[in-house]
ModelCIF file with pLDDT and N, C-alpha, C, O atoms, coordinates in Angstrom:
data_MODEL
#
_entry.id   MODEL 
#
_entity.id                         1 
_entity.type                       polymer 
_entity.pdbx_number_of_molecules   1 
#
_entity_poly.entity_id                      1 
_entity_poly.type                           'polypeptide(L)' 
_entity_poly.nstd_linkage                   no 
_entity_poly.nstd_monomer                   no 
_entity_poly.pdbx_seq_one_letter_code       ACQEELKLILRLTHPKFFMPVHGEYRHLVHHKNLAEKVGIPKDNI 
_entity_poly.pdbx_seq_one_letter_code_can   ACQEELKLILRLTHPKFFMPVHGEYRHLVHHKNLAEKVGIPKDNI 
_entity_poly.pdbx_strand_id                 A 
#
loop_
_entity_poly_seq.entity_id 
_entity_poly_seq.num 
_entity_poly_seq.mon_id 
_entity_poly_seq.hetero 
1 1  ALA n 
1 2  CYS n 
1 3  GLN n 
1 4  GLU n 
1 5  GLU n 
1 6  LEU n 
1 7  LYS n 
1 8  LEU n 
1 9  ILE n 
1 10 LEU n 
1 11 ARG n 
1 12 LEU n 
1 13 THR n 
1 14 HIS n 
1 15 PRO n 
1 16 LYS n 
1 17 PHE n 
1 18 PHE n 
1 19 MET n 
1 20 PRO n 
1 21 VAL n 
1 22 HIS n 
1 23 GLY n 
1 24 GLU n 
1 25 TYR n 
1 26 ARG n 
1 27 HIS n 
1 28 LEU n 
1 29 VAL n 
1 30 HIS n 
1 31 HIS n 
1 32 LYS n 
1 33 ASN n 
1 34 LEU n 
1 35 ALA n 
1 36 GLU n 
1 37 LYS n 
1 38 VAL n 
1 39 GLY n 
1 40 ILE n 
1 41 PRO n 
1 42 LYS n 
1 43 ASP n 
1 44 ASN n 
1 45 ILE n 
#
_struct_asym.id          A 
_struct_asym.entity_id   1 
#
loop_
_ma_qa_metric.id 
_ma_qa_metric.mode 
_ma_qa_metric.name 
_ma_qa_metric.software_group_id 
_ma_qa_metric.type 
1 global pLDDT . pLDDT 
2 local  pLDDT . pLDDT 
#
_ma_qa_metric_global.metric_id      1 
_ma_qa_metric_global.metric_value   95.80 
_ma_qa_metric_global.model_id       1 
_ma_qa_metric_global.ordinal_id     1 
#
loop_
_ma_qa_metric_local.label_asym_id 
_ma_qa_metric_local.label_comp_id 
_ma_qa_metric_local.label_seq_id 
_ma_qa_metric_local.metric_id 
_ma_qa_metric_local.metric_value 
_ma_qa_metric_local.model_id 
_ma_qa_metric_local.ordinal_id 
A ALA 1  2 95.00 1 1  
A CYS 2  2 96.00 1 2  
A GLN 3  2 96.00 1 3  
A GLU 4  2 97.00 1 4  
A GLU 5  2 97.00 1 5  
A LEU 6  2 97.00 1 6  
A LYS 7  2 97.00 1 7  
A LEU 8  2 97.00 1 8  
A ILE 9  2 97.00 1 9  
A LEU 10 2 97.00 1 10 
A ARG 11 2 96.00 1 11 
A LEU 12 2 96.00 1 12 
A THR 13 2 96.00 1 13 
A HIS 14 2 95.00 1 14 
A PRO 15 2 97.00 1 15 
A LYS 16 2 97.00 1 16 
A PHE 17 2 98.00 1 17 
A PHE 18 2 98.00 1 18 
A MET 19 2 97.00 1 19 
A PRO 20 2 97.00 1 20 
A VAL 21 2 96.00 1 21 
A HIS 22 2 92.00 1 22 
A GLY 23 2 89.00 1 23 
A GLU 24 2 91.00 1 24 
A TYR 25 2 93.00 1 25 
A ARG 26 2 94.00 1 26 
A HIS 27 2 95.00 1 27 
A LEU 28 2 96.00 1 28 
A VAL 29 2 96.00 1 29 
A HIS 30 2 97.00 1 30 
A HIS 31 2 97.00 1 31 
A LYS 32 2 97.00 1 32 
A ASN 33 2 96.00 1 33 
A LEU 34 2 97.00 1 34 
A ALA 35 2 97.00 1 35 
A GLU 36 2 96.00 1 36 
A LYS 37 2 96.00 1 37 
A VAL 38 2 94.00 1 38 
A GLY 39 2 94.00 1 39 
A ILE 40 2 95.00 1 40 
A PRO 41 2 96.00 1 41 
A LYS 42 2 95.00 1 42 
A ASP 43 2 95.00 1 43 
A ASN 44 2 97.00 1 44 
A ILE 45 2 97.00 1 45 
#
loop_
_atom_site.group_PDB 
_atom_site.id 
_atom_site.type_symbol 
_atom_site.label_atom_id 
_atom_site.label_alt_id 
_atom_site.label_comp_id 
_atom_site.label_asym_id 
_atom_site.label_entity_id 
_atom_site.label_seq_id 
_atom_site.pdbx_PDB_ins_code 
_atom_site.Cartn_x 
_atom_site.Cartn_y 
_atom_site.Cartn_z 
_atom_site.occupancy 
_atom_site.B_iso_or_equiv 
_atom_site.pdbx_formal_charge 
_atom_site.auth_seq_id 
_atom_site.auth_comp_id 
_atom_site.auth_asym_id 
_atom_site.auth_atom_id 
_atom_site.pdbx_PDB_model_num 
ATOM 1   N N  . ALA A 1 1  ? 107.102 101.494 38.689 1.00 95.00 ? 1  ALA A N  1 
ATOM 2   C CA . ALA A 1 1  ? 108.200 101.966 37.842 1.00 95.00 ? 1  ALA A CA 1 
ATOM 3   C C  . ALA A 1 1  ? 109.542 101.383 38.275 1.00 95.00 ? 1  ALA A C  1 
ATOM 4   O O  . ALA A 1 1  ? 109.844 101.296 39.465 1.00 95.00 ? 1  ALA A O  1 
ATOM 5   N N  . CYS A 1 2  ? 110.343 100.985 37.278 1.00 96.00 ? 2  CYS A N  1 
ATOM 6   C CA . CYS A 1 2  ? 111.724 100.572 37.525 1.00 96.00 ? 2  CYS A CA 1 
ATOM 7   C C  . CYS A 1 2  ? 112.639 101.809 37.432 1.00 96.00 ? 2  CYS A C  1 
ATOM 8   O O  . CYS A 1 2  ? 112.168 102.932 37.257 1.00 96.00 ? 2  CYS A O  1 
ATOM 9   N N  . GLN A 1 3  ? 113.933 101.577 37.551 1.00 96.00 ? 3  GLN A N  1 
ATOM 10  C CA . GLN A 1 3  ? 114.891 102.686 37.700 1.00 96.00 ? 3  GLN A CA 1 
ATOM 11  C C  . GLN A 1 3  ? 114.821 103.725 36.587 1.00 96.00 ? 3  GLN A C  1 
ATOM 12  O O  . GLN A 1 3  ? 114.835 104.925 36.863 1.00 96.00 ? 3  GLN A O  1 
ATOM 13  N N  . GLU A 1 4  ? 114.745 103.281 35.331 1.00 97.00 ? 4  GLU A N  1 
ATOM 14  C CA . GLU A 1 4  ? 114.770 104.254 34.234 1.00 97.00 ? 4  GLU A CA 1 
ATOM 15  C C  . GLU A 1 4  ? 113.528 105.142 34.222 1.00 97.00 ? 4  GLU A C  1 
ATOM 16  O O  . GLU A 1 4  ? 113.602 106.317 33.863 1.00 97.00 ? 4  GLU A O  1 
ATOM 17  N N  . GLU A 1 5  ? 112.382 104.573 34.616 1.00 97.00 ? 5  GLU A N  1 
ATOM 18  C CA . GLU A 1 5  ? 111.152 105.374 34.692 1.00 97.00 ? 5  GLU A CA 1 
ATOM 19  C C  . GLU A 1 5  ? 111.206 106.350 35.862 1.00 97.00 ? 5  GLU A C  1 
ATOM 20  O O  . GLU A 1 5  ? 110.710 107.472 35.766 1.00 97.00 ? 5  GLU A O  1 
ATOM 21  N N  . LEU A 1 6  ? 111.808 105.920 36.961 1.00 97.00 ? 6  LEU A N  1 
ATOM 22  C CA . LEU A 1 6  ? 111.959 106.804 38.115 1.00 97.00 ? 6  LEU A CA 1 
ATOM 23  C C  . LEU A 1 6  ? 112.884 107.977 37.772 1.00 97.00 ? 6  LEU A C  1 
ATOM 24  O O  . LEU A 1 6  ? 112.661 109.111 38.193 1.00 97.00 ? 6  LEU A O  1 
ATOM 25  N N  . LYS A 1 7  ? 113.927 107.669 36.998 1.00 97.00 ? 7  LYS A N  1 
ATOM 26  C CA . LYS A 1 7  ? 114.832 108.748 36.538 1.00 97.00 ? 7  LYS A CA 1 
ATOM 27  C C  . LYS A 1 7  ? 114.076 109.722 35.639 1.00 97.00 ? 7  LYS A C  1 
ATOM 28  O O  . LYS A 1 7  ? 114.254 110.937 35.727 1.00 97.00 ? 7  LYS A O  1 
ATOM 29  N N  . LEU A 1 8  ? 113.226 109.166 34.770 1.00 97.00 ? 8  LEU A N  1 
ATOM 30  C CA . LEU A 1 8  ? 112.457 110.000 33.846 1.00 97.00 ? 8  LEU A CA 1 
ATOM 31  C C  . LEU A 1 8  ? 111.581 110.998 34.616 1.00 97.00 ? 8  LEU A C  1 
ATOM 32  O O  . LEU A 1 8  ? 111.529 112.176 34.264 1.00 97.00 ? 8  LEU A O  1 
ATOM 33  N N  . ILE A 1 9  ? 110.899 110.533 35.658 1.00 97.00 ? 9  ILE A N  1 
ATOM 34  C CA . ILE A 1 9  ? 110.037 111.422 36.441 1.00 97.00 ? 9  ILE A CA 1 
ATOM 35  C C  . ILE A 1 9  ? 110.877 112.480 37.162 1.00 97.00 ? 9  ILE A C  1 
ATOM 36  O O  . ILE A 1 9  ? 110.478 113.641 37.242 1.00 97.00 ? 9  ILE A O  1 
ATOM 37  N N  . LEU A 1 10 ? 112.024 112.083 37.679 1.00 97.00 ? 10 LEU A N  1 
ATOM 38  C CA . LEU A 1 10 ? 112.912 113.044 38.347 1.00 97.00 ? 10 LEU A CA 1 
ATOM 39  C C  . LEU A 1 10 ? 113.375 114.122 37.365 1.00 97.00 ? 10 LEU A C  1 
ATOM 40  O O  . LEU A 1 10 ? 113.415 115.306 37.698 1.00 97.00 ? 10 LEU A O  1 
ATOM 41  N N  . ARG A 1 11 ? 113.725 113.691 36.146 1.00 96.00 ? 11 ARG A N  1 
ATOM 42  C CA . ARG A 1 11 ? 114.175 114.649 35.114 1.00 96.00 ? 11 ARG A CA 1 
ATOM 43  C C  . ARG A 1 11 ? 113.021 115.542 34.656 1.00 96.00 ? 11 ARG A C  1 
ATOM 44  O O  . ARG A 1 11 ? 113.184 116.748 34.471 1.00 96.00 ? 11 ARG A O  1 
ATOM 45  N N  . LEU A 1 12 ? 111.865 114.927 34.479 1.00 96.00 ? 12 LEU A N  1 
ATOM 46  C CA . LEU A 1 12 ? 110.713 115.655 33.943 1.00 96.00 ? 12 LEU A CA 1 
ATOM 47  C C  . LEU A 1 12 ? 110.215 116.719 34.920 1.00 96.00 ? 12 LEU A C  1 
ATOM 48  O O  . LEU A 1 12 ? 109.839 117.818 34.512 1.00 96.00 ? 12 LEU A O  1 
ATOM 49  N N  . THR A 1 13 ? 110.216 116.389 36.192 1.00 96.00 ? 13 THR A N  1 
ATOM 50  C CA . THR A 1 13 ? 109.683 117.316 37.201 1.00 96.00 ? 13 THR A CA 1 
ATOM 51  C C  . THR A 1 13 ? 110.744 118.283 37.730 1.00 96.00 ? 13 THR A C  1 
ATOM 52  O O  . THR A 1 13 ? 110.412 119.356 38.234 1.00 96.00 ? 13 THR A O  1 
ATOM 53  N N  . HIS A 1 14 ? 112.043 117.896 37.614 1.00 95.00 ? 14 HIS A N  1 
ATOM 54  C CA . HIS A 1 14 ? 113.194 118.616 38.209 1.00 95.00 ? 14 HIS A CA 1 
ATOM 55  C C  . HIS A 1 14 ? 112.790 119.454 39.434 1.00 95.00 ? 14 HIS A C  1 
ATOM 56  O O  . HIS A 1 14 ? 112.803 120.684 39.399 1.00 95.00 ? 14 HIS A O  1 
ATOM 57  N N  . PRO A 1 15 ? 112.428 118.738 40.529 1.00 97.00 ? 15 PRO A N  1 
ATOM 58  C CA . PRO A 1 15 ? 111.961 119.429 41.734 1.00 97.00 ? 15 PRO A CA 1 
ATOM 59  C C  . PRO A 1 15 ? 113.106 120.083 42.501 1.00 97.00 ? 15 PRO A C  1 
ATOM 60  O O  . PRO A 1 15 ? 114.268 119.711 42.341 1.00 97.00 ? 15 PRO A O  1 
ATOM 61  N N  . LYS A 1 16 ? 112.764 121.056 43.330 1.00 97.00 ? 16 LYS A N  1 
ATOM 62  C CA . LYS A 1 16 ? 113.774 121.655 44.220 1.00 97.00 ? 16 LYS A CA 1 
ATOM 63  C C  . LYS A 1 16 ? 114.162 120.655 45.318 1.00 97.00 ? 16 LYS A C  1 
ATOM 64  O O  . LYS A 1 16 ? 115.338 120.482 45.638 1.00 97.00 ? 16 LYS A O  1 
ATOM 65  N N  . PHE A 1 17 ? 113.121 119.992 45.893 1.00 98.00 ? 17 PHE A N  1 
ATOM 66  C CA . PHE A 1 17 ? 113.364 118.996 46.937 1.00 98.00 ? 17 PHE A CA 1 
ATOM 67  C C  . PHE A 1 17 ? 112.724 117.674 46.526 1.00 98.00 ? 17 PHE A C  1 
ATOM 68  O O  . PHE A 1 17 ? 111.749 117.641 45.776 1.00 98.00 ? 17 PHE A O  1 
ATOM 69  N N  . PHE A 1 18 ? 113.297 116.587 47.038 1.00 98.00 ? 18 PHE A N  1 
ATOM 70  C CA . PHE A 1 18 ? 112.801 115.252 46.685 1.00 98.00 ? 18 PHE A CA 1 
ATOM 71  C C  . PHE A 1 18 ? 112.651 114.395 47.939 1.00 98.00 ? 18 PHE A C  1 
ATOM 72  O O  . PHE A 1 18 ? 113.531 114.365 48.800 1.00 98.00 ? 18 PHE A O  1 
ATOM 73  N N  . MET A 1 19 ? 111.519 113.700 48.024 1.00 97.00 ? 19 MET A N  1 
ATOM 74  C CA . MET A 1 19 ? 111.256 112.802 49.154 1.00 97.00 ? 19 MET A CA 1 
ATOM 75  C C  . MET A 1 19 ? 110.731 111.465 48.620 1.00 97.00 ? 19 MET A C  1 
ATOM 76  O O  . MET A 1 19 ? 109.593 111.394 48.156 1.00 97.00 ? 19 MET A O  1 
ATOM 77  N N  . PRO A 1 20 ? 111.546 110.406 48.681 1.00 97.00 ? 20 PRO A N  1 
ATOM 78  C CA . PRO A 1 20 ? 111.060 109.097 48.227 1.00 97.00 ? 20 PRO A CA 1 
ATOM 79  C C  . PRO A 1 20 ? 109.992 108.566 49.184 1.00 97.00 ? 20 PRO A C  1 
ATOM 80  O O  . PRO A 1 20 ? 110.106 108.729 50.399 1.00 97.00 ? 20 PRO A O  1 
ATOM 81  N N  . VAL A 1 21 ? 108.950 107.928 48.631 1.00 96.00 ? 21 VAL A N  1 
ATOM 82  C CA . VAL A 1 21 ? 107.858 107.374 49.438 1.00 96.00 ? 21 VAL A CA 1 
ATOM 83  C C  . VAL A 1 21 ? 107.544 105.953 48.956 1.00 96.00 ? 21 VAL A C  1 
ATOM 84  O O  . VAL A 1 21 ? 108.117 105.479 47.975 1.00 96.00 ? 21 VAL A O  1 
ATOM 85  N N  . HIS A 1 22 ? 106.640 105.292 49.651 1.00 92.00 ? 22 HIS A N  1 
ATOM 86  C CA . HIS A 1 22 ? 106.145 103.953 49.293 1.00 92.00 ? 22 HIS A CA 1 
ATOM 87  C C  . HIS A 1 22 ? 107.280 102.934 49.174 1.00 92.00 ? 22 HIS A C  1 
ATOM 88  O O  . HIS A 1 22 ? 107.691 102.586 48.066 1.00 92.00 ? 22 HIS A O  1 
ATOM 89  N N  . GLY A 1 23 ? 107.774 102.466 50.291 1.00 89.00 ? 23 GLY A N  1 
ATOM 90  C CA . GLY A 1 23 ? 108.793 101.430 50.247 1.00 89.00 ? 23 GLY A CA 1 
ATOM 91  C C  . GLY A 1 23 ? 109.428 101.202 51.604 1.00 89.00 ? 23 GLY A C  1 
ATOM 92  O O  . GLY A 1 23 ? 109.320 102.029 52.510 1.00 89.00 ? 23 GLY A O  1 
ATOM 93  N N  . GLU A 1 24 ? 110.095 100.061 51.724 1.00 91.00 ? 24 GLU A N  1 
ATOM 94  C CA . GLU A 1 24 ? 110.865 99.790  52.926 1.00 91.00 ? 24 GLU A CA 1 
ATOM 95  C C  . GLU A 1 24 ? 112.077 100.725 52.942 1.00 91.00 ? 24 GLU A C  1 
ATOM 96  O O  . GLU A 1 24 ? 112.376 101.382 51.944 1.00 91.00 ? 24 GLU A O  1 
ATOM 97  N N  . TYR A 1 25 ? 112.766 100.778 54.078 1.00 93.00 ? 25 TYR A N  1 
ATOM 98  C CA . TYR A 1 25 ? 113.811 101.807 54.221 1.00 93.00 ? 25 TYR A CA 1 
ATOM 99  C C  . TYR A 1 25 ? 114.885 101.683 53.145 1.00 93.00 ? 25 TYR A C  1 
ATOM 100 O O  . TYR A 1 25 ? 115.374 102.693 52.639 1.00 93.00 ? 25 TYR A O  1 
ATOM 101 N N  . ARG A 1 26 ? 115.253 100.462 52.795 1.00 94.00 ? 26 ARG A N  1 
ATOM 102 C CA . ARG A 1 26 ? 116.292 100.295 51.764 1.00 94.00 ? 26 ARG A CA 1 
ATOM 103 C C  . ARG A 1 26 ? 115.830 100.864 50.420 1.00 94.00 ? 26 ARG A C  1 
ATOM 104 O O  . ARG A 1 26 ? 116.631 101.413 49.663 1.00 94.00 ? 26 ARG A O  1 
ATOM 105 N N  . HIS A 1 27 ? 114.522 100.726 50.127 1.00 95.00 ? 27 HIS A N  1 
ATOM 106 C CA . HIS A 1 27 ? 113.996 101.277 48.869 1.00 95.00 ? 27 HIS A CA 1 
ATOM 107 C C  . HIS A 1 27 ? 114.136 102.799 48.858 1.00 95.00 ? 27 HIS A C  1 
ATOM 108 O O  . HIS A 1 27 ? 114.505 103.388 47.842 1.00 95.00 ? 27 HIS A O  1 
ATOM 109 N N  . LEU A 1 28 ? 113.839 103.428 49.991 1.00 96.00 ? 28 LEU A N  1 
ATOM 110 C CA . LEU A 1 28 ? 113.935 104.889 50.066 1.00 96.00 ? 28 LEU A CA 1 
ATOM 111 C C  . LEU A 1 28 ? 115.379 105.341 49.862 1.00 96.00 ? 28 LEU A C  1 
ATOM 112 O O  . LEU A 1 28 ? 115.633 106.338 49.187 1.00 96.00 ? 28 LEU A O  1 
ATOM 113 N N  . VAL A 1 29 ? 116.321 104.605 50.447 1.00 96.00 ? 29 VAL A N  1 
ATOM 114 C CA . VAL A 1 29 ? 117.751 104.959 50.306 1.00 96.00 ? 29 VAL A CA 1 
ATOM 115 C C  . VAL A 1 29 ? 118.204 104.765 48.863 1.00 96.00 ? 29 VAL A C  1 
ATOM 116 O O  . VAL A 1 29 ? 118.918 105.606 48.317 1.00 96.00 ? 29 VAL A O  1 
ATOM 117 N N  . HIS A 1 30 ? 117.790 103.655 48.241 1.00 97.00 ? 30 HIS A N  1 
ATOM 118 C CA . HIS A 1 30 ? 118.162 103.425 46.829 1.00 97.00 ? 30 HIS A CA 1 
ATOM 119 C C  . HIS A 1 30 ? 117.597 104.537 45.942 1.00 97.00 ? 30 HIS A C  1 
ATOM 120 O O  . HIS A 1 30 ? 118.260 104.988 45.008 1.00 97.00 ? 30 HIS A O  1 
ATOM 121 N N  . HIS A 1 31 ? 116.372 104.975 46.239 1.00 97.00 ? 31 HIS A N  1 
ATOM 122 C CA . HIS A 1 31 ? 115.753 106.039 45.454 1.00 97.00 ? 31 HIS A CA 1 
ATOM 123 C C  . HIS A 1 31 ? 116.510 107.355 45.663 1.00 97.00 ? 31 HIS A C  1 
ATOM 124 O O  . HIS A 1 31 ? 116.685 108.133 44.725 1.00 97.00 ? 31 HIS A O  1 
ATOM 125 N N  . LYS A 1 32 ? 116.945 107.590 46.874 1.00 97.00 ? 32 LYS A N  1 
ATOM 126 C CA . LYS A 1 32 ? 117.767 108.767 47.176 1.00 97.00 ? 32 LYS A CA 1 
ATOM 127 C C  . LYS A 1 32 ? 119.036 108.746 46.322 1.00 97.00 ? 32 LYS A C  1 
ATOM 128 O O  . LYS A 1 32 ? 119.401 109.758 45.723 1.00 97.00 ? 32 LYS A O  1 
ATOM 129 N N  . ASN A 1 33 ? 119.710 107.589 46.266 1.00 96.00 ? 33 ASN A N  1 
ATOM 130 C CA . ASN A 1 33 ? 120.940 107.464 45.477 1.00 96.00 ? 33 ASN A CA 1 
ATOM 131 C C  . ASN A 1 33 ? 120.669 107.685 43.988 1.00 96.00 ? 33 ASN A C  1 
ATOM 132 O O  . ASN A 1 33 ? 121.479 108.286 43.282 1.00 96.00 ? 33 ASN A O  1 
ATOM 133 N N  . LEU A 1 34 ? 119.518 107.190 43.523 1.00 97.00 ? 34 LEU A N  1 
ATOM 134 C CA . LEU A 1 34 ? 119.134 107.361 42.119 1.00 97.00 ? 34 LEU A CA 1 
ATOM 135 C C  . LEU A 1 34 ? 118.932 108.849 41.810 1.00 97.00 ? 34 LEU A C  1 
ATOM 136 O O  . LEU A 1 34 ? 119.339 109.337 40.755 1.00 97.00 ? 34 LEU A O  1 
ATOM 137 N N  . ALA A 1 35 ? 118.299 109.555 42.746 1.00 97.00 ? 35 ALA A N  1 
ATOM 138 C CA . ALA A 1 35 ? 118.043 110.990 42.555 1.00 97.00 ? 35 ALA A CA 1 
ATOM 139 C C  . ALA A 1 35 ? 119.351 111.778 42.489 1.00 97.00 ? 35 ALA A C  1 
ATOM 140 O O  . ALA A 1 35 ? 119.468 112.734 41.722 1.00 97.00 ? 35 ALA A O  1 
ATOM 141 N N  . GLU A 1 36 ? 120.312 111.379 43.281 1.00 96.00 ? 36 GLU A N  1 
ATOM 142 C CA . GLU A 1 36 ? 121.626 112.054 43.239 1.00 96.00 ? 36 GLU A CA 1 
ATOM 143 C C  . GLU A 1 36 ? 122.268 111.885 41.861 1.00 96.00 ? 36 GLU A C  1 
ATOM 144 O O  . GLU A 1 36 ? 122.898 112.806 41.342 1.00 96.00 ? 36 GLU A O  1 
ATOM 145 N N  . LYS A 1 37 ? 122.099 110.694 41.275 1.00 96.00 ? 37 LYS A N  1 
ATOM 146 C CA . LYS A 1 37 ? 122.696 110.418 39.959 1.00 96.00 ? 37 LYS A CA 1 
ATOM 147 C C  . LYS A 1 37 ? 122.124 111.314 38.866 1.00 96.00 ? 37 LYS A C  1 
ATOM 148 O O  . LYS A 1 37 ? 122.814 111.631 37.898 1.00 96.00 ? 37 LYS A O  1 
ATOM 149 N N  . VAL A 1 38 ? 120.849 111.730 39.020 1.00 94.00 ? 38 VAL A N  1 
ATOM 150 C CA . VAL A 1 38 ? 120.260 112.588 37.990 1.00 94.00 ? 38 VAL A CA 1 
ATOM 151 C C  . VAL A 1 38 ? 120.364 114.073 38.361 1.00 94.00 ? 38 VAL A C  1 
ATOM 152 O O  . VAL A 1 38 ? 119.726 114.923 37.740 1.00 94.00 ? 38 VAL A O  1 
ATOM 153 N N  . GLY A 1 39 ? 121.162 114.364 39.362 1.00 94.00 ? 39 GLY A N  1 
ATOM 154 C CA . GLY A 1 39 ? 121.488 115.767 39.618 1.00 94.00 ? 39 GLY A CA 1 
ATOM 155 C C  . GLY A 1 39 ? 120.748 116.474 40.732 1.00 94.00 ? 39 GLY A C  1 
ATOM 156 O O  . GLY A 1 39 ? 120.919 117.682 40.899 1.00 94.00 ? 39 GLY A O  1 
ATOM 157 N N  . ILE A 1 40 ? 119.922 115.763 41.509 1.00 95.00 ? 40 ILE A N  1 
ATOM 158 C CA . ILE A 1 40 ? 119.272 116.411 42.660 1.00 95.00 ? 40 ILE A CA 1 
ATOM 159 C C  . ILE A 1 40 ? 120.330 116.561 43.753 1.00 95.00 ? 40 ILE A C  1 
ATOM 160 O O  . ILE A 1 40 ? 120.943 115.565 44.136 1.00 95.00 ? 40 ILE A O  1 
ATOM 161 N N  . PRO A 1 41 ? 120.566 117.767 44.267 1.00 96.00 ? 41 PRO A N  1 
ATOM 162 C CA . PRO A 1 41 ? 121.591 117.932 45.314 1.00 96.00 ? 41 PRO A CA 1 
ATOM 163 C C  . PRO A 1 41 ? 121.305 117.054 46.520 1.00 96.00 ? 41 PRO A C  1 
ATOM 164 O O  . PRO A 1 41 ? 120.160 116.922 46.953 1.00 96.00 ? 41 PRO A O  1 
ATOM 165 N N  . LYS A 1 42 ? 122.354 116.462 47.052 1.00 95.00 ? 42 LYS A N  1 
ATOM 166 C CA . LYS A 1 42 ? 122.228 115.533 48.170 1.00 95.00 ? 42 LYS A CA 1 
ATOM 167 C C  . LYS A 1 42 ? 121.468 116.155 49.341 1.00 95.00 ? 42 LYS A C  1 
ATOM 168 O O  . LYS A 1 42 ? 120.642 115.493 49.971 1.00 95.00 ? 42 LYS A O  1 
ATOM 169 N N  . ASP A 1 43 ? 121.747 117.423 49.629 1.00 95.00 ? 43 ASP A N  1 
ATOM 170 C CA . ASP A 1 43 ? 121.111 118.093 50.777 1.00 95.00 ? 43 ASP A CA 1 
ATOM 171 C C  . ASP A 1 43 ? 119.630 118.374 50.540 1.00 95.00 ? 43 ASP A C  1 
ATOM 172 O O  . ASP A 1 43 ? 118.899 118.703 51.474 1.00 95.00 ? 43 ASP A O  1 
ATOM 173 N N  . ASN A 1 44 ? 119.192 118.244 49.291 1.00 97.00 ? 44 ASN A N  1 
ATOM 174 C CA . ASN A 1 44 ? 117.776 118.509 48.967 1.00 97.00 ? 44 ASN A CA 1 
ATOM 175 C C  . ASN A 1 44 ? 116.926 117.238 48.908 1.00 97.00 ? 44 ASN A C  1 
ATOM 176 O O  . ASN A 1 44 ? 115.752 117.273 48.541 1.00 97.00 ? 44 ASN A O  1 
ATOM 177 N N  . ILE A 1 45 ? 117.554 116.108 49.280 1.00 97.00 ? 45 ILE A N  1 
ATOM 178 C CA . ILE A 1 45 ? 116.837 114.826 49.279 1.00 97.00 ? 45 ILE A CA 1 
ATOM 179 C C  . ILE A 1 45 ? 116.563 114.432 50.721 1.00 97.00 ? 45 ILE A C  1 
ATOM 180 O O  . ILE A 1 45 ? 115.967 113.384 50.973 1.00 97.00 ? 45 ILE A O  1 
#
């Protein structure tokens, strides 16, 4: 999945906590930033 699909899953599931997986460290950080953009609280990532 690219960014828009990842946003879709974040919106669809609207989890309490989020943990990015499957990727090098920069990928996990980028995914964290993407999750913040769709409204997941920073402290919950």
